[in-house]
Structures are given as C-alpha cells and as structure tokens.
Amino acid sequence: MTTCVFVQIRCTPGTPYQVAEQIALKELHSELYSTSGDWDLLVKLYIPGGQDIGHFINEELVSGVPGIERTLTTLTFKAF
C-alpha cells in the first residue's frame, strides 16, 4: 500500500525550472507542476508502504537538488 502526498516547493528566485528538471530526473513523482502564489512547484508522490514519509521526502526528493528553499507536505487520506 502507498501513501499519496503533495509536496509544495519554494525555490531560490530564478531556479524553479532547474529544480523541476532535477526532480523529474529522479523519476519519483506521479505529477509535477509549476504553480503561482507562495510556492513554485507542486509534486504529487506515492510513498511506498512502510517508508517514513519525512525521510523519503528529505532523502529521495529534496537531497541533492540545489535551489530548494522550503517544502510543505500535505498528506492525503481518502479520495472522493
């Protein structure tokens, strides 16, 4: 079983496209969008069952990607 999470990413000014390219190369995401507002990118991920969500995001998604200033993770519970 997997857990669906959405991660919003704030990037260093001028780097969202480079950050998105680096994230896309990791091939971890289900969907990846540029967004308007306080956050630059939105990533939809399915975290494998038994994985610690915080560790997965920090070690697999964010690690090694320069230009990420901050993230906000939203866990999902039920699709309607």
PDB file of N, CA and C in Angstrom:
ATOM      1  N   MET A   1       0.841  -1.178   0.000  1.00  0.00           N
ATOM      2  CA  MET A   1       0.000   0.000   0.000  1.00  0.00           C
ATOM      3  C   MET A   1       0.885   1.240   0.000  1.00  0.00           C
ATOM      4  N   THR A   2       0.442   2.269  -0.684  1.00  0.00           N
ATOM      5  CA  THR A   2       1.205   3.509  -0.773  1.00  0.00           C
ATOM      6  C   THR A   2       0.426   4.646  -0.131  1.00  0.00           C
ATOM      7  N   THR A   3       1.144   5.717   0.202  1.00  0.00           N
ATOM      8  CA  THR A   3       0.533   6.924   0.733  1.00  0.00           C
ATOM      9  C   THR A   3       0.734   8.041  -0.269  1.00  0.00           C
ATOM     10  N   CYS A   4      -0.342   8.683  -0.670  1.00  0.00           N
ATOM     11  CA  CYS A   4      -0.265   9.797  -1.604  1.00  0.00           C
ATOM     12  C   CYS A   4      -0.010  11.078  -0.822  1.00  0.00           C
ATOM     13  N   VAL A   5       1.015  11.821  -1.218  1.00  0.00           N
ATOM     14  CA  VAL A   5       1.310  13.112  -0.612  1.00  0.00           C
ATOM     15  C   VAL A   5       1.532  14.148  -1.706  1.00  0.00           C
ATOM     16  N   PHE A   6       1.268  15.390  -1.357  1.00  0.00           N
ATOM     17  CA  PHE A   6       1.567  16.520  -2.223  1.00  0.00           C
ATOM     18  C   PHE A   6       2.641  17.338  -1.536  1.00  0.00           C
ATOM     19  N   VAL A   7       3.687  17.692  -2.268  1.00  0.00           N
ATOM     20  CA  VAL A   7       4.778  18.493  -1.716  1.00  0.00           C
ATOM     21  C   VAL A   7       4.851  19.792  -2.513  1.00  0.00           C
ATOM     22  N   GLN A   8       4.677  20.899  -1.812  1.00  0.00           N
ATOM     23  CA  GLN A   8       4.856  22.200  -2.425  1.00  0.00           C
ATOM     24  C   GLN A   8       6.292  22.632  -2.165  1.00  0.00           C
ATOM     25  N   ILE A   9       6.913  23.234  -3.163  1.00  0.00           N
ATOM     26  CA  ILE A   9       8.324  23.594  -3.063  1.00  0.00           C
ATOM     27  C   ILE A   9       8.508  25.074  -3.375  1.00  0.00           C
ATOM     28  N   ARG A  10       9.227  25.752  -2.476  1.00  0.00           N
ATOM     29  CA  ARG A  10       9.640  27.135  -2.725  1.00  0.00           C
ATOM     30  C   ARG A  10      11.097  27.086  -3.144  1.00  0.00           C
ATOM     31  N   CYS A  11      11.387  27.719  -4.279  1.00  0.00           N
ATOM     32  CA  CYS A  11      12.732  27.689  -4.842  1.00  0.00           C
ATOM     33  C   CYS A  11      13.422  29.042  -4.682  1.00  0.00           C
ATOM     34  N   THR A  12      14.737  29.010  -4.747  1.00  0.00           N
ATOM     35  CA  THR A  12      15.505  30.236  -4.826  1.00  0.00           C
ATOM     36  C   THR A  12      15.043  30.978  -6.077  1.00  0.00           C
ATOM     37  N   PRO A  13      14.858  32.307  -6.007  1.00  0.00           N
ATOM     38  CA  PRO A  13      14.394  33.045  -7.187  1.00  0.00           C
ATOM     39  C   PRO A  13      15.233  32.727  -8.436  1.00  0.00           C
ATOM     40  N   GLY A  14      14.528  32.487  -9.523  1.00  0.00           N
ATOM     41  CA  GLY A  14      15.172  32.205 -10.803  1.00  0.00           C
ATOM     42  C   GLY A  14      15.545  30.754 -11.032  1.00  0.00           C
ATOM     43  N   THR A  15      15.232  29.856 -10.077  1.00  0.00           N
ATOM     44  CA  THR A  15      15.653  28.457 -10.226  1.00  0.00           C
ATOM     45  C   THR A  15      14.531  27.428 -10.383  1.00  0.00           C
ATOM     46  N   PRO A  16      13.245  27.810 -10.395  1.00  0.00           N
ATOM     47  CA  PRO A  16      12.211  26.763 -10.435  1.00  0.00           C
ATOM     48  C   PRO A  16      12.332  25.768 -11.585  1.00  0.00           C
ATOM     49  N   TYR A  17      12.707  26.228 -12.775  1.00  0.00           N
ATOM     50  CA  TYR A  17      12.787  25.287 -13.888  1.00  0.00           C
ATOM     51  C   TYR A  17      13.960  24.322 -13.731  1.00  0.00           C
ATOM     52  N   GLN A  18      15.071  24.809 -13.183  1.00  0.00           N
ATOM     53  CA  GLN A  18      16.209  23.925 -12.936  1.00  0.00           C
ATOM     54  C   GLN A  18      15.869  22.913 -11.837  1.00  0.00           C
ATOM     55  N   VAL A  19      15.176  23.375 -10.787  1.00  0.00           N
ATOM     56  CA  VAL A  19      14.756  22.469  -9.711  1.00  0.00           C
ATOM     57  C   VAL A  19      13.803  21.420 -10.267  1.00  0.00           C
ATOM     58  N   ALA A  20      12.838  21.836 -11.073  1.00  0.00           N
ATOM     59  CA  ALA A  20      11.882  20.890 -11.664  1.00  0.00           C
ATOM     60  C   ALA A  20      12.589  19.848 -12.527  1.00  0.00           C
ATOM     61  N   GLU A  21      13.578  20.275 -13.297  1.00  0.00           N
ATOM     62  CA  GLU A  21      14.331  19.327 -14.128  1.00  0.00           C
ATOM     63  C   GLU A  21      15.051  18.287 -13.280  1.00  0.00           C
ATOM     64  N   GLN A  22      15.667  18.727 -12.174  1.00  0.00           N
ATOM     65  CA  GLN A  22      16.374  17.798 -11.295  1.00  0.00           C
ATOM     66  C   GLN A  22      15.410  16.815 -10.630  1.00  0.00           C
ATOM     67  N   ILE A  23      14.250  17.306 -10.219  1.00  0.00           N
ATOM     68  CA  ILE A  23      13.242  16.429  -9.615  1.00  0.00           C
ATOM     69  C   ILE A  23      12.737  15.422 -10.646  1.00  0.00           C
ATOM     70  N   ALA A  24      12.471  15.888 -11.861  1.00  0.00           N
ATOM     71  CA  ALA A  24      11.967  15.000 -12.915  1.00  0.00           C
ATOM     72  C   ALA A  24      12.962  13.873 -13.212  1.00  0.00           C
ATOM     73  N   LEU A  25      14.247  14.179 -13.160  1.00  0.00           N
ATOM     74  CA  LEU A  25      15.268  13.156 -13.426  1.00  0.00           C
ATOM     75  C   LEU A  25      15.259  12.040 -12.388  1.00  0.00           C
ATOM     76  N   LYS A  26      14.796  12.331 -11.188  1.00  0.00           N
ATOM     77  CA  LYS A  26      14.743  11.312 -10.131  1.00  0.00           C
ATOM     78  C   LYS A  26      13.633  10.287 -10.373  1.00  0.00           C
ATOM     79  N   GLU A  27      12.644  10.639 -11.199  1.00  0.00           N
ATOM     80  CA  GLU A  27      11.538   9.745 -11.559  1.00  0.00           C
ATOM     81  C   GLU A  27      10.818   9.163 -10.347  1.00  0.00           C
ATOM     82  N   LEU A  28      10.586  10.003  -9.345  1.00  0.00           N
ATOM     83  CA  LEU A  28       9.869   9.583  -8.137  1.00  0.00           C
ATOM     84  C   LEU A  28       8.420  10.021  -8.133  1.00  0.00           C
ATOM     85  N   HIS A  29       8.107  11.025  -8.903  1.00  0.00           N
ATOM     86  CA  HIS A  29       6.815  11.693  -8.824  1.00  0.00           C
ATOM     87  C   HIS A  29       5.774  11.068  -9.748  1.00  0.00           C
ATOM     88  N   SER A  30       4.523  11.306  -9.373  1.00  0.00           N
ATOM     89  CA  SER A  30       3.406  10.955 -10.233  1.00  0.00           C
ATOM     90  C   SER A  30       3.083  12.138 -11.143  1.00  0.00           C
ATOM     91  N   GLU A  31       3.108  13.334 -10.545  1.00  0.00           N
ATOM     92  CA  GLU A  31       2.840  14.566 -11.286  1.00  0.00           C
ATOM     93  C   GLU A  31       3.725  15.675 -10.728  1.00  0.00           C
ATOM     94  N   LEU A  32       4.093  16.628 -11.603  1.00  0.00           N
ATOM     95  CA  LEU A  32       4.945  17.747 -11.214  1.00  0.00           C
ATOM     96  C   LEU A  32       4.484  18.976 -11.978  1.00  0.00           C
ATOM     97  N   TYR A  33       4.147  20.038 -11.243  1.00  0.00           N
ATOM     98  CA  TYR A  33       3.610  21.256 -11.843  1.00  0.00           C
ATOM     99  C   TYR A  33       4.348  22.486 -11.352  1.00  0.00           C
ATOM    100  N   SER A  34       4.436  23.510 -12.195  1.00  0.00           N
ATOM    101  CA  SER A  34       4.812  24.842 -11.722  1.00  0.00           C
ATOM    102  C   SER A  34       3.514  25.508 -11.283  1.00  0.00           C
ATOM    103  N   THR A  35       3.590  26.350 -10.255  1.00  0.00           N
ATOM    104  CA  THR A  35       2.390  26.963  -9.691  1.00  0.00           C
ATOM    105  C   THR A  35       2.611  28.452  -9.452  1.00  0.00           C
ATOM    106  N   SER A  36       1.517  29.154  -9.259  1.00  0.00           N
ATOM    107  CA  SER A  36       1.587  30.564  -8.897  1.00  0.00           C
ATOM    108  C   SER A  36       1.392  30.686  -7.391  1.00  0.00           C
ATOM    109  N   GLY A  37       1.707  31.855  -6.852  1.00  0.00           N
ATOM    110  CA  GLY A  37       1.494  32.078  -5.422  1.00  0.00           C
ATOM    111  C   GLY A  37       2.766  31.939  -4.621  1.00  0.00           C
ATOM    112  N   ASP A  38       2.617  31.532  -3.374  1.00  0.00           N
ATOM    113  CA  ASP A  38       3.749  31.451  -2.446  1.00  0.00           C
ATOM    114  C   ASP A  38       4.706  30.299  -2.746  1.00  0.00           C
ATOM    115  N   TRP A  39       4.260  29.308  -3.487  1.00  0.00           N
ATOM    116  CA  TRP A  39       5.066  28.134  -3.794  1.00  0.00           C
ATOM    117  C   TRP A  39       5.311  28.065  -5.289  1.00  0.00           C
ATOM    118  N   ASP A  40       6.448  27.531  -5.694  1.00  0.00           N
ATOM    119  CA  ASP A  40       6.837  27.496  -7.106  1.00  0.00           C
ATOM    120  C   ASP A  40       6.483  26.196  -7.816  1.00  0.00           C
ATOM    121  N   LEU A  41       6.543  25.087  -7.085  1.00  0.00           N
ATOM    122  CA  LEU A  41       6.300  23.781  -7.685  1.00  0.00           C
ATOM    123  C   LEU A  41       5.367  22.961  -6.796  1.00  0.00           C
ATOM    124  N   LEU A  42       4.631  22.049  -7.420  1.00  0.00           N
ATOM    125  CA  LEU A  42       3.770  21.112  -6.708  1.00  0.00           C
ATOM    126  C   LEU A  42       4.079  19.712  -7.232  1.00  0.00           C
ATOM    127  N   VAL A  43       4.428  18.819  -6.317  1.00  0.00           N
ATOM    128  CA  VAL A  43       4.788  17.450  -6.677  1.00  0.00           C
ATOM    129  C   VAL A  43       3.807  16.495  -6.017  1.00  0.00           C
ATOM    130  N   LYS A  44       3.274  15.572  -6.792  1.00  0.00           N
ATOM    131  CA  LYS A  44       2.426  14.510  -6.254  1.00  0.00           C
ATOM    132  C   LYS A  44       3.267  13.240  -6.218  1.00  0.00           C
ATOM    133  N   LEU A  45       3.365  12.649  -5.031  1.00  0.00           N
ATOM    134  CA  LEU A  45       4.176  11.451  -4.832  1.00  0.00           C
ATOM    135  C   LEU A  45       3.347  10.338  -4.200  1.00  0.00           C
ATOM    136  N   TYR A  46       3.715   9.116  -4.498  1.00  0.00           N
ATOM    137  CA  TYR A  46       3.182   7.955  -3.792  1.00  0.00           C
ATOM    138  C   TYR A  46       4.335   7.344  -3.004  1.00  0.00           C
ATOM    139  N   ILE A  47       4.246   7.437  -1.688  1.00  0.00           N
ATOM    140  CA  ILE A  47       5.297   6.923  -0.817  1.00  0.00           C
ATOM    141  C   ILE A  47       5.040   5.433  -0.580  1.00  0.00           C
ATOM    142  N   PRO A  48       6.043   4.591  -0.813  1.00  0.00           N
ATOM    143  CA  PRO A  48       5.855   3.150  -0.591  1.00  0.00           C
ATOM    144  C   PRO A  48       5.470   2.841   0.857  1.00  0.00           C
ATOM    145  N   GLY A  49       4.616   1.850   1.038  1.00  0.00           N
ATOM    146  CA  GLY A  49       4.201   1.433   2.373  1.00  0.00           C
ATOM    147  C   GLY A  49       5.393   1.074   3.243  1.00  0.00           C
ATOM    148  N   GLY A  50       5.320   1.452   4.495  1.00  0.00           N
ATOM    149  CA  GLY A  50       6.398   1.159   5.427  1.00  0.00           C
ATOM    150  C   GLY A  50       7.519   2.182   5.432  1.00  0.00           C
ATOM    151  N   GLN A  51       7.540   3.072   4.448  1.00  0.00           N
ATOM    152  CA  GLN A  51       8.565   4.115   4.395  1.00  0.00           C
ATOM    153  C   GLN A  51       8.170   5.276   5.297  1.00  0.00           C
ATOM    154  N   ASP A  52       9.143   5.859   5.987  1.00  0.00           N
ATOM    155  CA  ASP A  52       8.914   7.079   6.753  1.00  0.00           C
ATOM    156  C   ASP A  52       8.775   8.228   5.764  1.00  0.00           C
ATOM    157  N   ILE A  53       7.656   8.917   5.798  1.00  0.00           N
ATOM    158  CA  ILE A  53       7.360   9.957   4.810  1.00  0.00           C
ATOM    159  C   ILE A  53       8.387  11.076   4.859  1.00  0.00           C
ATOM    160  N   GLY A  54       8.717  11.560   6.048  1.00  0.00           N
ATOM    161  CA  GLY A  54       9.695  12.639   6.171  1.00  0.00           C
ATOM    162  C   GLY A  54      11.055  12.259   5.634  1.00  0.00           C
ATOM    163  N   HIS A  55      11.506  11.058   5.971  1.00  0.00           N
ATOM    164  CA  HIS A  55      12.805  10.601   5.476  1.00  0.00           C
ATOM    165  C   HIS A  55      12.774  10.443   3.961  1.00  0.00           C
ATOM    166  N   PHE A  56      11.696   9.891   3.429  1.00  0.00           N
ATOM    167  CA  PHE A  56      11.597   9.688   1.987  1.00  0.00           C
ATOM    168  C   PHE A  56      11.685  11.023   1.253  1.00  0.00           C
ATOM    169  N   ILE A  57      10.934  12.010   1.713  1.00  0.00           N
ATOM    170  CA  ILE A  57      10.936  13.317   1.051  1.00  0.00           C
ATOM    171  C   ILE A  57      12.310  13.965   1.159  1.00  0.00           C
ATOM    172  N   ASN A  58      12.891  13.950   2.354  1.00  0.00           N
ATOM    173  CA  ASN A  58      14.196  14.589   2.538  1.00  0.00           C
ATOM    174  C   ASN A  58      15.325  13.862   1.824  1.00  0.00           C
ATOM    175  N   GLU A  59      15.333  12.540   1.887  1.00  0.00           N
ATOM    176  CA  GLU A  59      16.442  11.773   1.331  1.00  0.00           C
ATOM    177  C   GLU A  59      16.290  11.483  -0.161  1.00  0.00           C
ATOM    178  N   GLU A  60      15.071  11.249  -0.620  1.00  0.00           N
ATOM    179  CA  GLU A  60      14.865  10.864  -2.014  1.00  0.00           C
ATOM    180  C   GLU A  60      14.495  12.047  -2.924  1.00  0.00           C
ATOM    181  N   LEU A  61      13.638  12.929  -2.440  1.00  0.00           N
ATOM    182  CA  LEU A  61      13.155  14.025  -3.287  1.00  0.00           C
ATOM    183  C   LEU A  61      14.051  15.258  -3.197  1.00  0.00           C
ATOM    184  N   VAL A  62      14.308  15.747  -2.002  1.00  0.00           N
ATOM    185  CA  VAL A  62      14.986  17.030  -1.801  1.00  0.00           C
ATOM    186  C   VAL A  62      16.507  16.910  -1.867  1.00  0.00           C
ATOM    187  N   SER A  63      17.056  15.828  -1.375  1.00  0.00           N
ATOM    188  CA  SER A  63      18.507  15.665  -1.303  1.00  0.00           C
ATOM    189  C   SER A  63      19.162  15.793  -2.670  1.00  0.00           C
ATOM    190  N   GLY A  64      20.200  16.606  -2.727  1.00  0.00           N
ATOM    191  CA  GLY A  64      20.965  16.749  -3.966  1.00  0.00           C
ATOM    192  C   GLY A  64      20.350  17.669  -4.994  1.00  0.00           C
ATOM    193  N   VAL A  65      19.273  18.366  -4.639  1.00  0.00           N
ATOM    194  CA  VAL A  65      18.636  19.299  -5.578  1.00  0.00           C
ATOM    195  C   VAL A  65      18.899  20.730  -5.097  1.00  0.00           C
ATOM    196  N   PRO A  66      19.865  21.417  -5.713  1.00  0.00           N
ATOM    197  CA  PRO A  66      20.116  22.797  -5.310  1.00  0.00           C
ATOM    198  C   PRO A  66      18.966  23.706  -5.734  1.00  0.00           C
ATOM    199  N   GLY A  67      18.724  24.730  -4.943  1.00  0.00           N
ATOM    200  CA  GLY A  67      17.688  25.703  -5.279  1.00  0.00           C
ATOM    201  C   GLY A  67      16.407  25.538  -4.495  1.00  0.00           C
ATOM    202  N   ILE A  68      16.276  24.488  -3.711  1.00  0.00           N
ATOM    203  CA  ILE A  68      15.080  24.307  -2.888  1.00  0.00           C
ATOM    204  C   ILE A  68      15.281  25.063  -1.578  1.00  0.00           C
ATOM    205  N   GLU A  69      14.396  26.011  -1.303  1.00  0.00           N
ATOM    206  CA  GLU A  69      14.475  26.776  -0.058  1.00  0.00           C
ATOM    207  C   GLU A  69      13.618  26.178   1.048  1.00  0.00           C
ATOM    208  N   ARG A  70      12.441  25.671   0.664  1.00  0.00           N
ATOM    209  CA  ARG A  70      11.493  25.198   1.676  1.00  0.00           C
ATOM    210  C   ARG A  70      10.471  24.272   1.026  1.00  0.00           C
ATOM    211  N   THR A  71       9.922  23.359   1.819  1.00  0.00           N
ATOM    212  CA  THR A  71       8.856  22.481   1.327  1.00  0.00           C
ATOM    213  C   THR A  71       7.700  22.468   2.318  1.00  0.00           C
ATOM    214  N   LEU A  72       6.535  22.133   1.800  1.00  0.00           N
ATOM    215  CA  LEU A  72       5.330  21.946   2.613  1.00  0.00           C
ATOM    216  C   LEU A  72       4.659  20.673   2.123  1.00  0.00           C
ATOM    217  N   THR A  73       4.526  19.696   3.009  1.00  0.00           N
ATOM    218  CA  THR A  73       3.962  18.401   2.638  1.00  0.00           C
ATOM    219  C   THR A  73       2.543  18.277   3.163  1.00  0.00           C
ATOM    220  N   THR A  74       1.634  17.841   2.279  1.00  0.00           N
ATOM    221  CA  THR A  74       0.248  17.585   2.648  1.00  0.00           C
ATOM    222  C   THR A  74      -0.031  16.104   2.429  1.00  0.00           C
ATOM    223  N   LEU A  75      -0.422  15.426   3.503  1.00  0.00           N
ATOM    224  CA  LEU A  75      -0.787  14.015   3.395  1.00  0.00           C
ATOM    225  C   LEU A  75      -2.253  13.901   2.977  1.00  0.00           C
ATOM    226  N   THR A  76      -2.569  12.873   2.249  1.00  0.00           N
ATOM    227  CA  THR A  76      -3.949  12.641   1.847  1.00  0.00           C
ATOM    228  C   THR A  76      -4.487  11.418   2.587  1.00  0.00           C
ATOM    229  N   PHE A  77      -5.819  11.382   2.751  1.00  0.00           N
ATOM    230  CA  PHE A  77      -6.445  10.293   3.479  1.00  0.00           C
ATOM    231  C   PHE A  77      -7.437   9.496   2.630  1.00  0.00           C
ATOM    232  N   LYS A  78      -8.314  10.172   1.898  1.00  0.00           N
ATOM    233  CA  LYS A  78      -9.330   9.484   1.131  1.00  0.00           C
ATOM    234  C   LYS A  78      -9.674  10.298  -0.106  1.00  0.00           C
ATOM    235  N   ALA A  79      -9.772   9.624  -1.234  1.00  0.00           N
ATOM    236  CA  ALA A  79     -10.194  10.281  -2.468  1.00  0.00           C
ATOM    237  C   ALA A  79     -11.713  10.161  -2.598  1.00  0.00           C
ATOM    238  N   PHE A  80     -12.351  11.202  -3.032  1.00  0.00           N
ATOM    239  CA  PHE A  80     -13.799  11.199  -3.196  1.00  0.00           C
ATOM    240  C   PHE A  80     -14.170  11.275  -4.648  1.00  0.00           C
TER     241      PHE A  80
END
